[in-house]
Amino acid sequence: MQFHDYYLKFVDRDASRAALLAAGLTVEYTDDEGEMKRAPAQGVNLSSIGVISTGGEYAEDGTIITPPTEIPGWHVNLRLSSPLGDEQLATLGAAVIDPAPVSPYRVWA
């Protein structure tokens, strides 16, 4: 099976959740206790990375010598069984990182 991978960057977690729902990549449902939950839609795999940090220096015991630098935004990796459609691409807009990162922070196994 061929997979289609996308790397997304949103302003924050709430923006990612709203956009993924609007694009039909996540669905909402009510669990047995009556609570609203959210899950990936069929054929969708999500890896919500969140904030990415780079650099930093650490002592052997793990003590921070120089703190890492945060890369602004909320990062999400998306793996689909079929490519994003035009409407989904339009809904996600500038959140789709194109071209994809050369060395992503997290990759699919």
Protein backbone atom coordinates (compact mmCIF):
# COMPACT_ATOMS: atom_id res chain seq x y z
CA MET A 1 0.00 0.00 0.00
CA GLN A 2 1.24 3.47 -0.84
CA PHE A 3 0.99 6.19 1.80
CA HIS A 4 0.80 9.94 1.38
CA ASP A 5 2.66 11.90 4.04
CA TYR A 6 2.13 15.56 4.87
CA TYR A 7 3.83 17.79 7.40
CA LEU A 8 1.65 20.50 8.90
CA LYS A 9 2.40 23.57 10.98
CA PHE A 10 -0.34 25.56 12.71
CA VAL A 11 -0.32 28.60 14.97
CA ASP A 12 -1.28 26.48 18.00
CA ARG A 13 -2.99 23.27 19.10
CA ASP A 14 -6.51 24.71 18.88
CA ALA A 15 -5.93 25.88 15.30
CA SER A 16 -4.70 22.39 14.36
CA ARG A 17 -7.73 20.70 15.89
CA ALA A 18 -10.16 23.07 14.16
CA ALA A 19 -8.50 22.74 10.74
CA LEU A 20 -8.21 18.95 10.88
CA LEU A 21 -11.90 18.68 11.79
CA ALA A 22 -12.95 21.16 9.08
CA ALA A 23 -10.93 19.21 6.50
CA GLY A 24 -12.65 15.96 7.50
CA LEU A 25 -9.40 14.43 8.73
CA THR A 26 -10.76 14.00 12.25
CA VAL A 27 -14.29 13.15 13.38
CA GLU A 28 -16.18 13.89 16.57
CA TYR A 29 -18.26 11.32 18.42
CA THR A 30 -19.91 10.89 21.80
CA ASP A 31 -18.46 8.16 24.03
CA ASP A 32 -20.44 5.87 26.33
CA GLU A 33 -20.30 8.44 29.15
CA GLY A 34 -21.76 11.16 26.91
CA GLU A 35 -18.47 13.01 26.46
CA MET A 36 -17.51 14.47 23.09
CA LYS A 37 -14.34 12.86 21.73
CA ARG A 38 -12.29 13.28 18.56
CA ALA A 39 -10.48 10.64 16.51
CA PRO A 40 -8.74 10.41 13.13
CA ALA A 41 -11.10 9.72 10.24
CA GLN A 42 -10.88 6.40 8.42
CA GLY A 43 -7.61 6.09 6.47
CA VAL A 44 -6.00 8.93 8.46
CA ASN A 45 -3.03 8.59 10.81
CA LEU A 46 -2.00 11.61 12.87
CA SER A 47 1.12 12.22 14.88
CA SER A 48 0.66 15.42 16.87
CA ILE A 49 4.17 16.58 17.67
CA GLY A 50 3.32 19.97 19.12
CA VAL A 51 6.12 22.44 19.73
CA ILE A 52 9.51 21.51 18.31
CA SER A 53 12.75 22.59 19.98
CA THR A 54 16.22 22.57 18.49
CA GLY A 55 19.70 22.91 19.88
CA GLY A 56 20.54 23.25 23.51
CA GLU A 57 23.49 22.02 25.51
CA TYR A 58 23.20 19.52 28.31
CA ALA A 59 25.61 18.30 30.98
CA GLU A 60 26.20 14.56 31.38
CA ASP A 61 23.66 14.48 34.22
CA GLY A 62 21.01 16.11 32.01
CA THR A 63 21.31 19.60 33.47
CA ILE A 64 20.57 22.28 30.88
CA ILE A 65 23.62 24.39 30.10
CA THR A 66 22.07 26.30 27.18
CA PRO A 67 18.30 25.93 26.71
CA PRO A 68 16.97 24.74 23.36
CA THR A 69 15.22 27.17 21.01
CA GLU A 70 11.52 26.61 20.28
CA ILE A 71 10.37 26.70 16.67
CA PRO A 72 7.08 28.61 16.69
CA GLY A 73 3.91 26.71 15.82
CA TRP A 74 2.13 23.43 16.50
CA HIS A 75 3.41 20.61 14.31
CA VAL A 76 1.42 17.60 13.09
CA ASN A 77 2.45 14.75 10.80
CA LEU A 78 -0.29 13.31 8.63
CA ARG A 79 -0.25 9.94 6.85
CA LEU A 80 -3.10 9.07 4.50
CA SER A 81 -4.07 6.10 2.39
CA SER A 82 -5.01 8.52 -0.42
CA PRO A 83 -3.78 12.04 -1.25
CA LEU A 84 -5.45 15.12 0.16
CA GLY A 85 -8.25 16.42 -2.03
CA ASP A 86 -8.44 19.97 -3.38
CA GLU A 87 -11.00 21.01 -0.74
CA GLN A 88 -8.89 19.55 2.06
CA LEU A 89 -5.80 21.34 0.74
CA ALA A 90 -7.76 24.59 0.57
CA THR A 91 -9.03 24.11 4.13
CA LEU A 92 -5.54 23.39 5.48
CA GLY A 93 -4.05 26.22 3.42
CA ALA A 94 -0.64 27.44 4.50
CA ALA A 95 -0.46 24.80 7.26
CA VAL A 96 0.83 22.28 4.71
CA ILE A 97 4.62 22.56 4.67
CA ASP A 98 5.68 22.47 1.04
CA PRO A 99 8.25 21.37 0.24
CA ALA A 100 8.30 18.75 2.98
CA PRO A 101 11.16 18.98 5.49
CA VAL A 102 14.38 17.30 4.39
CA SER A 103 14.89 15.80 7.85
CA PRO A 104 11.57 15.78 9.73
CA TYR A 105 11.54 15.91 13.51
CA ARG A 106 9.53 12.66 13.61
CA VAL A 107 9.02 10.08 10.85
CA TRP A 108 6.70 7.12 10.36
CA ALA A 109 8.20 3.71 11.11
